Amino acid sequence: MAAPAHVPTHTPALASGRRRVLDEPAYGAYWLLRAGYAVLPIWMGIDKFVNALTDWPSYLAPWIVDVLPFSAQTAMYVVGAIEIVAGVAVAIKPRYAAYVVALWLTGIIVNLLTYSGFYDVALRDFGLLLGALALARLAATYDPARSTRPGGRGARTR
């Protein structure tokens, strides 16, 4: 049964945003990357606490484990917390957070390149790094900069 004519089934802004995602390829790519780089780091961060997908401490290069003042599993708890915060930050402000994610991925890649046997994972993470940079570039257009001055450079115009 259809909703009565006086009860809206969706807001016009939501419908227009959905239409824009479908009609503008760059805007659609921005939202696809934004959603992915928000959800996946949160998911992976949570998994650092439960090790359901893999044994995360085994991905730490031995030289890193040697310099840590705590266990590899504790390091994974820290990594997980950082990844959760990064995912939330991308959801809130991808214009800036995507660069943080790219920097984080660079650190992961360095770790993997210094640990024989994980070059394939490092290459995959390099692809993720490129995606994070693409999100940052798209966010420069679709996620307005914050401005502290009314009407100043970077002020919201939409």
N, C-alpha and C. Protein backbone atom coordinates (compact mmCIF):
# COMPACT_ATOMS: atom_id res chain seq x y z
N MET A 1 0.84 -1.17 0.00
CA MET A 1 0.00 0.00 0.00
C MET A 1 0.89 1.24 0.00
N ALA A 2 0.62 2.19 -0.84
CA ALA A 2 1.41 3.42 -0.95
C ALA A 2 1.10 4.36 0.20
N ALA A 3 2.09 5.16 0.56
CA ALA A 3 1.91 6.16 1.61
C ALA A 3 0.97 7.25 1.12
N PRO A 4 0.16 7.83 2.01
CA PRO A 4 -0.73 8.93 1.62
C PRO A 4 0.09 10.07 1.02
N ALA A 5 -0.53 10.83 0.15
CA ALA A 5 0.16 11.91 -0.57
C ALA A 5 0.75 12.96 0.37
N HIS A 6 0.18 13.19 1.51
CA HIS A 6 0.66 14.23 2.43
C HIS A 6 1.84 13.76 3.30
N VAL A 7 2.20 12.46 3.26
CA VAL A 7 3.31 11.94 4.06
C VAL A 7 4.49 11.69 3.13
N PRO A 8 5.56 12.50 3.26
CA PRO A 8 6.70 12.30 2.37
C PRO A 8 7.40 10.97 2.67
N THR A 9 7.79 10.25 1.61
CA THR A 9 8.50 8.99 1.79
C THR A 9 10.01 9.21 1.82
N HIS A 10 10.47 10.39 1.42
CA HIS A 10 11.88 10.74 1.49
C HIS A 10 12.00 12.26 1.45
N THR A 11 13.13 12.75 1.91
CA THR A 11 13.31 14.19 1.86
C THR A 11 13.82 14.59 0.48
N PRO A 12 13.47 15.77 0.00
CA PRO A 12 13.95 16.20 -1.31
C PRO A 12 15.47 16.27 -1.38
N ALA A 13 16.13 16.68 -0.29
CA ALA A 13 17.59 16.77 -0.30
C ALA A 13 18.21 15.39 -0.46
N LEU A 14 17.64 14.39 0.20
CA LEU A 14 18.16 13.03 0.09
C LEU A 14 17.98 12.50 -1.33
N ALA A 15 16.82 12.73 -1.89
CA ALA A 15 16.55 12.29 -3.26
C ALA A 15 17.48 12.99 -4.24
N SER A 16 17.70 14.29 -4.03
CA SER A 16 18.57 15.03 -4.94
C SER A 16 20.02 14.57 -4.79
N GLY A 17 20.45 14.25 -3.56
CA GLY A 17 21.81 13.72 -3.35
C GLY A 17 21.99 12.38 -4.01
N ARG A 18 20.99 11.51 -3.89
CA ARG A 18 21.03 10.20 -4.54
C ARG A 18 21.11 10.35 -6.05
N ARG A 19 20.33 11.26 -6.59
CA ARG A 19 20.32 11.49 -8.03
C ARG A 19 21.69 12.00 -8.48
N ARG A 20 22.29 12.90 -7.69
CA ARG A 20 23.59 13.46 -8.04
C ARG A 20 24.67 12.38 -8.05
N VAL A 21 24.61 11.47 -7.08
CA VAL A 21 25.57 10.36 -7.03
C VAL A 21 25.47 9.53 -8.30
N LEU A 22 24.26 9.34 -8.79
CA LEU A 22 24.07 8.54 -10.00
C LEU A 22 24.38 9.31 -11.27
N ASP A 23 24.12 10.61 -11.28
CA ASP A 23 24.27 11.41 -12.49
C ASP A 23 25.67 11.96 -12.71
N GLU A 24 26.40 12.25 -11.63
CA GLU A 24 27.74 12.83 -11.75
C GLU A 24 28.78 11.79 -11.36
N PRO A 25 29.52 11.25 -12.34
CA PRO A 25 30.48 10.20 -12.03
C PRO A 25 31.52 10.59 -10.97
N ALA A 26 32.03 11.80 -11.02
CA ALA A 26 33.04 12.21 -10.03
C ALA A 26 32.44 12.29 -8.63
N TYR A 27 31.23 12.80 -8.53
CA TYR A 27 30.55 12.88 -7.22
C TYR A 27 30.23 11.47 -6.71
N GLY A 28 29.81 10.60 -7.60
CA GLY A 28 29.56 9.21 -7.23
C GLY A 28 30.84 8.53 -6.75
N ALA A 29 31.95 8.78 -7.44
CA ALA A 29 33.24 8.22 -7.02
C ALA A 29 33.65 8.75 -5.66
N TYR A 30 33.43 10.04 -5.43
CA TYR A 30 33.74 10.65 -4.13
C TYR A 30 32.98 9.93 -3.01
N TRP A 31 31.68 9.70 -3.19
CA TRP A 31 30.89 9.06 -2.14
C TRP A 31 31.24 7.59 -1.98
N LEU A 32 31.57 6.92 -3.07
CA LEU A 32 31.98 5.52 -2.99
C LEU A 32 33.28 5.40 -2.19
N LEU A 33 34.26 6.25 -2.50
CA LEU A 33 35.53 6.25 -1.77
C LEU A 33 35.33 6.68 -0.32
N ARG A 34 34.51 7.70 -0.10
CA ARG A 34 34.27 8.18 1.27
C ARG A 34 33.67 7.08 2.13
N ALA A 35 32.68 6.39 1.60
CA ALA A 35 32.04 5.30 2.35
C ALA A 35 33.05 4.18 2.61
N GLY A 36 33.79 3.80 1.59
CA GLY A 36 34.76 2.72 1.75
C GLY A 36 35.85 3.05 2.75
N TYR A 37 36.39 4.27 2.67
CA TYR A 37 37.48 4.66 3.57
C TYR A 37 36.98 5.07 4.95
N ALA A 38 35.68 5.09 5.14
CA ALA A 38 35.13 5.26 6.49
C ALA A 38 34.85 3.89 7.10
N VAL A 39 34.14 3.04 6.38
CA VAL A 39 33.71 1.75 6.91
C VAL A 39 34.87 0.76 7.07
N LEU A 40 35.69 0.63 6.05
CA LEU A 40 36.73 -0.40 6.10
C LEU A 40 37.78 -0.19 7.21
N PRO A 41 38.30 1.03 7.41
CA PRO A 41 39.24 1.18 8.53
C PRO A 41 38.59 0.89 9.89
N ILE A 42 37.32 1.25 10.04
CA ILE A 42 36.63 0.94 11.30
C ILE A 42 36.53 -0.57 11.47
N TRP A 43 36.14 -1.26 10.41
CA TRP A 43 36.02 -2.71 10.44
C TRP A 43 37.36 -3.37 10.74
N MET A 44 38.40 -2.94 10.03
CA MET A 44 39.74 -3.52 10.24
C MET A 44 40.25 -3.17 11.63
N GLY A 45 39.96 -1.96 12.10
CA GLY A 45 40.39 -1.56 13.44
C GLY A 45 39.75 -2.42 14.51
N ILE A 46 38.47 -2.68 14.37
CA ILE A 46 37.79 -3.55 15.33
C ILE A 46 38.40 -4.95 15.29
N ASP A 47 38.74 -5.42 14.10
CA ASP A 47 39.31 -6.77 13.99
C ASP A 47 40.68 -6.88 14.66
N LYS A 48 41.39 -5.77 14.82
CA LYS A 48 42.68 -5.82 15.52
C LYS A 48 42.50 -6.25 16.96
N PHE A 49 41.29 -6.07 17.51
CA PHE A 49 41.01 -6.45 18.89
C PHE A 49 40.57 -7.91 19.01
N VAL A 50 40.07 -8.49 17.92
CA VAL A 50 39.54 -9.86 17.99
C VAL A 50 40.31 -10.85 17.12
N ASN A 51 41.12 -10.37 16.19
CA ASN A 51 41.92 -11.24 15.31
C ASN A 51 41.07 -12.29 14.61
N ALA A 52 39.89 -11.92 14.13
CA ALA A 52 39.01 -12.85 13.44
C ALA A 52 39.47 -13.10 12.00
N LEU A 53 39.94 -12.05 11.32
CA LEU A 53 40.33 -12.20 9.92
C LEU A 53 41.72 -12.81 9.76
N THR A 54 42.61 -12.50 10.66
CA THR A 54 43.98 -13.02 10.60
C THR A 54 44.65 -12.80 11.94
N ASP A 55 45.87 -13.28 12.07
CA ASP A 55 46.68 -13.05 13.26
C ASP A 55 47.47 -11.76 13.01
N TRP A 56 46.89 -10.63 13.38
CA TRP A 56 47.47 -9.33 13.06
C TRP A 56 48.89 -9.11 13.58
N PRO A 57 49.23 -9.56 14.78
CA PRO A 57 50.61 -9.34 15.24
C PRO A 57 51.68 -9.94 14.33
N SER A 58 51.31 -10.97 13.58
CA SER A 58 52.30 -11.59 12.68
C SER A 58 52.65 -10.69 11.50
N TYR A 59 51.91 -9.61 11.29
CA TYR A 59 52.21 -8.68 10.20
C TYR A 59 53.22 -7.60 10.61
N LEU A 60 53.55 -7.54 11.88
CA LEU A 60 54.54 -6.55 12.32
C LEU A 60 55.95 -7.06 12.02
N ALA A 61 56.74 -6.22 11.39
CA ALA A 61 58.13 -6.57 11.11
C ALA A 61 58.87 -6.81 12.43
N PRO A 62 59.75 -7.81 12.47
CA PRO A 62 60.47 -8.13 13.71
C PRO A 62 61.22 -6.94 14.30
N TRP A 63 61.77 -6.07 13.46
CA TRP A 63 62.51 -4.93 14.00
C TRP A 63 61.58 -3.97 14.74
N ILE A 64 60.33 -3.90 14.33
CA ILE A 64 59.37 -3.05 15.03
C ILE A 64 59.02 -3.67 16.37
N VAL A 65 58.78 -4.97 16.38
CA VAL A 65 58.47 -5.67 17.63
C VAL A 65 59.63 -5.50 18.62
N ASP A 66 60.86 -5.54 18.10
CA ASP A 66 62.04 -5.41 18.98
C ASP A 66 62.14 -4.04 19.64
N VAL A 67 61.67 -3.00 18.98
CA VAL A 67 61.80 -1.65 19.55
C VAL A 67 60.58 -1.23 20.38
N LEU A 68 59.51 -2.02 20.32
CA LEU A 68 58.30 -1.68 21.09
C LEU A 68 58.50 -1.96 22.57
N PRO A 69 57.97 -1.09 23.42
CA PRO A 69 58.05 -1.34 24.86
C PRO A 69 56.94 -2.27 25.36
N PHE A 70 56.15 -2.80 24.42
CA PHE A 70 55.04 -3.69 24.78
C PHE A 70 54.92 -4.77 23.71
N SER A 71 53.97 -5.67 23.89
CA SER A 71 53.82 -6.82 22.98
C SER A 71 53.28 -6.40 21.61
N ALA A 72 53.44 -7.31 20.67
CA ALA A 72 52.91 -7.08 19.32
C ALA A 72 51.39 -6.98 19.35
N GLN A 73 50.73 -7.76 20.20
CA GLN A 73 49.28 -7.67 20.29
C GLN A 73 48.84 -6.32 20.85
N THR A 74 49.57 -5.80 21.82
CA THR A 74 49.25 -4.47 22.35
C THR A 74 49.43 -3.42 21.25
N ALA A 75 50.46 -3.59 20.44
CA ALA A 75 50.66 -2.69 19.30
C ALA A 75 49.46 -2.75 18.37
N MET A 76 48.90 -3.93 18.16
CA MET A 76 47.73 -4.07 17.30
C MET A 76 46.50 -3.40 17.92
N TYR A 77 46.41 -3.38 19.24
CA TYR A 77 45.32 -2.65 19.88
C TYR A 77 45.44 -1.15 19.58
N VAL A 78 46.67 -0.65 19.64
CA VAL A 78 46.92 0.77 19.33
C VAL A 78 46.59 1.03 17.86
N VAL A 79 47.07 0.15 16.99
CA VAL A 79 46.79 0.27 15.55
C VAL A 79 45.28 0.25 15.30
N GLY A 80 44.58 -0.67 15.95
CA GLY A 80 43.13 -0.76 15.79
C GLY A 80 42.42 0.51 16.20
N ALA A 81 42.83 1.07 17.33
CA ALA A 81 42.21 2.32 17.80
C ALA A 81 42.47 3.44 16.80
N ILE A 82 43.68 3.53 16.28
CA ILE A 82 44.00 4.57 15.29
C ILE A 82 43.17 4.38 14.04
N GLU A 83 43.01 3.14 13.59
CA GLU A 83 42.23 2.89 12.38
C GLU A 83 40.75 3.24 12.58
N ILE A 84 40.22 2.96 13.75
CA ILE A 84 38.82 3.32 14.03
C ILE A 84 38.66 4.84 14.01
N VAL A 85 39.57 5.55 14.64
CA VAL A 85 39.52 7.02 14.64
C VAL A 85 39.66 7.55 13.21
N ALA A 86 40.55 6.95 12.42
CA ALA A 86 40.74 7.40 11.03
C ALA A 86 39.46 7.19 10.22
N GLY A 87 38.80 6.06 10.39
CA GLY A 87 37.55 5.81 9.67
C GLY A 87 36.46 6.80 10.04
N VAL A 88 36.34 7.09 11.32
CA VAL A 88 35.35 8.09 11.78
C VAL A 88 35.71 9.47 11.21
N ALA A 89 37.00 9.80 11.21
CA ALA A 89 37.44 11.09 10.68
C ALA A 89 37.12 11.22 9.20
N VAL A 90 37.30 10.15 8.44
CA VAL A 90 36.96 10.19 7.01
C VAL A 90 35.47 10.41 6.84
N ALA A 91 34.67 9.77 7.66
CA ALA A 91 33.22 9.96 7.58
C ALA A 91 32.83 11.41 7.84
N ILE A 92 33.54 12.05 8.78
CA ILE A 92 33.20 13.42 9.17
C ILE A 92 33.82 14.46 8.24
N LYS A 93 35.09 14.34 7.94
CA LYS A 93 35.78 15.37 7.15
C LYS A 93 36.83 14.73 6.24
N PRO A 94 36.40 14.13 5.13
CA PRO A 94 37.34 13.44 4.25
C PRO A 94 38.38 14.35 3.61
N ARG A 95 38.08 15.63 3.51
CA ARG A 95 39.02 16.57 2.88
C ARG A 95 40.38 16.51 3.56
N TYR A 96 40.40 16.35 4.87
CA TYR A 96 41.64 16.30 5.64
C TYR A 96 42.01 14.87 6.04
N ALA A 97 41.02 14.10 6.45
CA ALA A 97 41.27 12.76 6.97
C ALA A 97 41.82 11.80 5.91
N ALA A 98 41.49 12.00 4.65
CA ALA A 98 42.01 11.12 3.60
C ALA A 98 43.53 11.20 3.53
N TYR A 99 44.09 12.39 3.78
CA TYR A 99 45.56 12.52 3.81
C TYR A 99 46.15 11.80 5.02
N VAL A 100 45.44 11.81 6.13
CA VAL A 100 45.89 11.08 7.32
C VAL A 100 45.91 9.58 7.02
N VAL A 101 44.86 9.09 6.36
CA VAL A 101 44.80 7.68 5.99
C VAL A 101 45.93 7.34 5.02
N ALA A 102 46.20 8.22 4.07
CA ALA A 102 47.30 7.98 3.12
C ALA A 102 48.64 7.89 3.86
N LEU A 103 48.84 8.77 4.80
CA LEU A 103 50.07 8.74 5.59
C LEU A 103 50.16 7.45 6.41
N TRP A 104 49.06 7.06 7.01
CA TRP A 104 49.00 5.81 7.78
C TRP A 104 49.34 4.62 6.89
N LEU A 105 48.77 4.57 5.69
CA LEU A 105 49.05 3.49 4.75
C LEU A 105 50.52 3.47 4.34
N THR A 106 51.13 4.65 4.24
CA THR A 106 52.56 4.71 3.94
C THR A 106 53.36 4.01 5.04
N GLY A 107 53.00 4.25 6.28
CA GLY A 107 53.66 3.57 7.39
C GLY A 107 53.48 2.07 7.34
N ILE A 108 52.29 1.62 7.01
CA ILE A 108 52.02 0.19 6.89
C ILE A 108 52.87 -0.41 5.76
N ILE A 109 52.96 0.30 4.65
CA ILE A 109 53.75 -0.18 3.51
C ILE A 109 55.23 -0.29 3.90
N VAL A 110 55.76 0.70 4.59
CA VAL A 110 57.16 0.64 5.03
C VAL A 110 57.36 -0.58 5.92
N ASN A 111 56.45 -0.80 6.87
CA ASN A 111 56.54 -1.98 7.73
C ASN A 111 56.59 -3.25 6.88
N LEU A 112 55.68 -3.38 5.92
CA LEU A 112 55.59 -4.60 5.13
C LEU A 112 56.79 -4.79 4.20
N LEU A 113 57.33 -3.70 3.68
CA LEU A 113 58.49 -3.82 2.79
C LEU A 113 59.76 -4.21 3.54
N THR A 114 59.76 -4.00 4.85
CA THR A 114 60.95 -4.37 5.64
C THR A 114 60.79 -5.77 6.24
N TYR A 115 59.76 -6.48 5.83
CA TYR A 115 59.47 -7.81 6.38
C TYR A 115 59.25 -8.75 5.20
N SER A 116 60.23 -9.57 4.90
CA SER A 116 60.17 -10.47 3.75
C SER A 116 58.91 -11.33 3.78
N GLY A 117 58.29 -11.45 2.64
CA GLY A 117 57.12 -12.31 2.51
C GLY A 117 55.80 -11.56 2.46
N PHE A 118 55.83 -10.26 2.62
CA PHE A 118 54.58 -9.49 2.62
C PHE A 118 54.55 -8.44 1.51
N TYR A 119 55.35 -8.66 0.47
CA TYR A 119 55.42 -7.68 -0.62
C TYR A 119 54.08 -7.56 -1.36
N ASP A 120 53.35 -8.66 -1.48
CA ASP A 120 52.05 -8.62 -2.14
C ASP A 120 51.06 -7.75 -1.36
N VAL A 121 51.10 -7.85 -0.05
CA VAL A 121 50.21 -7.05 0.78
C VAL A 121 50.63 -5.57 0.72
N ALA A 122 51.95 -5.33 0.66
CA ALA A 122 52.44 -3.96 0.53
C ALA A 122 51.96 -3.35 -0.79
N LEU A 123 51.97 -4.13 -1.86
CA LEU A 123 51.50 -3.63 -3.15
C LEU A 123 50.00 -3.33 -3.10
N ARG A 124 49.24 -4.19 -2.46
CA ARG A 124 47.80 -3.94 -2.29
C ARG A 124 47.57 -2.66 -1.50
N ASP A 125 48.35 -2.48 -0.44
CA ASP A 125 48.20 -1.27 0.38
C ASP A 125 48.63 -0.02 -0.38
N PHE A 126 49.55 -0.17 -1.33
CA PHE A 126 49.90 0.96 -2.19
C PHE A 126 48.69 1.36 -3.04
N GLY A 127 47.95 0.38 -3.52
CA GLY A 127 46.70 0.68 -4.24
C GLY A 127 45.70 1.40 -3.35
N LEU A 128 45.60 0.97 -2.10
CA LEU A 128 44.72 1.66 -1.15
C LEU A 128 45.20 3.09 -0.90
N LEU A 129 46.51 3.29 -0.85
CA LEU A 129 47.08 4.62 -0.68
C LEU A 129 46.67 5.52 -1.85
N LEU A 130 46.74 5.00 -3.06
CA LEU A 130 46.31 5.78 -4.23
C LEU A 130 44.83 6.14 -4.14
N GLY A 131 44.02 5.20 -3.66
CA GLY A 131 42.59 5.48 -3.48
C GLY A 131 42.35 6.57 -2.44
N ALA A 132 43.12 6.54 -1.35
CA ALA A 132 42.98 7.58 -0.32
C ALA A 132 43.37 8.94 -0.88
N LEU A 133 44.41 8.98 -1.70
CA LEU A 133 44.80 10.26 -2.31
C LEU A 133 43.74 10.73 -3.31
N ALA A 134 43.14 9.80 -4.04
CA ALA A 134 42.06 10.17 -4.96
C ALA A 134 40.87 10.74 -4.17
N LEU A 135 40.55 10.12 -3.03
CA LEU A 135 39.48 10.65 -2.18
C LEU A 135 39.82 12.06 -1.72
N ALA A 136 41.06 12.28 -1.30
CA ALA A 136 41.46 13.62 -0.84
C ALA A 136 41.30 14.64 -1.95
N ARG A 137 41.68 14.29 -3.16
CA ARG A 137 41.56 15.23 -4.29
C ARG A 137 40.09 15.51 -4.61
N LEU A 138 39.26 14.47 -4.61
CA LEU A 138 37.83 14.68 -4.86
C LEU A 138 37.19 15.48 -3.73
N ALA A 139 37.63 15.23 -2.51
CA ALA A 139 37.08 15.96 -1.36
C ALA A 139 37.42 17.44 -1.42
N ALA A 140 38.51 17.79 -2.09
CA ALA A 140 38.84 19.20 -2.25
C ALA A 140 37.73 19.94 -3.00
N THR A 141 36.98 19.21 -3.82
CA THR A 141 35.86 19.79 -4.55
C THR A 141 34.54 19.60 -3.81
N TYR A 142 34.31 18.40 -3.28
CA TYR A 142 32.99 18.06 -2.76
C TYR A 142 32.84 18.20 -1.25
N ASP A 143 33.92 18.42 -0.53
CA ASP A 143 33.86 18.61 0.92
C ASP A 143 34.49 19.96 1.22
N PRO A 144 33.69 21.01 1.34
CA PRO A 144 34.23 22.36 1.47
C PRO A 144 35.16 22.51 2.67
N ALA A 145 36.15 23.38 2.50
CA ALA A 145 37.07 23.69 3.60
C ALA A 145 36.32 24.45 4.68
N ARG A 146 36.78 24.31 5.88
CA ARG A 146 36.20 25.08 6.99
C ARG A 146 36.86 26.45 7.01
N SER A 147 36.08 27.43 7.33
CA SER A 147 36.61 28.79 7.42
C SER A 147 36.22 29.39 8.76
N THR A 148 37.15 30.11 9.35
CA THR A 148 36.84 30.79 10.61
C THR A 148 36.37 32.21 10.36
N ARG A 149 36.55 32.68 9.13
CA ARG A 149 36.12 34.04 8.78
C ARG A 149 34.87 33.97 7.91
N PRO A 150 33.82 34.69 8.29
CA PRO A 150 32.64 34.71 7.43
C PRO A 150 32.99 35.30 6.07
N GLY A 151 32.64 34.55 5.02
CA GLY A 151 32.91 35.03 3.68
C GLY A 151 34.37 34.95 3.28
N GLY A 152 35.22 34.45 4.18
CA GLY A 152 36.66 34.34 3.90
C GLY A 152 36.95 33.19 2.97
N ARG A 153 38.19 33.06 2.60
CA ARG A 153 38.60 31.99 1.71
C ARG A 153 38.25 30.65 2.34
N GLY A 154 37.62 29.80 1.57
CA GLY A 154 37.24 28.49 2.07
C GLY A 154 35.90 28.47 2.77
N ALA A 155 35.19 29.58 2.79
CA ALA A 155 33.90 29.60 3.46
C ALA A 155 32.92 28.71 2.70
N ARG A 156 32.00 28.15 3.41
CA ARG A 156 31.00 27.29 2.77
C ARG A 156 30.12 28.14 1.86
N THR A 157 29.92 27.64 0.67
CA THR A 157 29.07 28.34 -0.28
C THR A 157 27.85 27.53 -0.62
N ARG A 158 27.78 26.30 -0.16
CA ARG A 158 26.62 25.45 -0.49
C ARG A 158 25.75 25.28 0.71
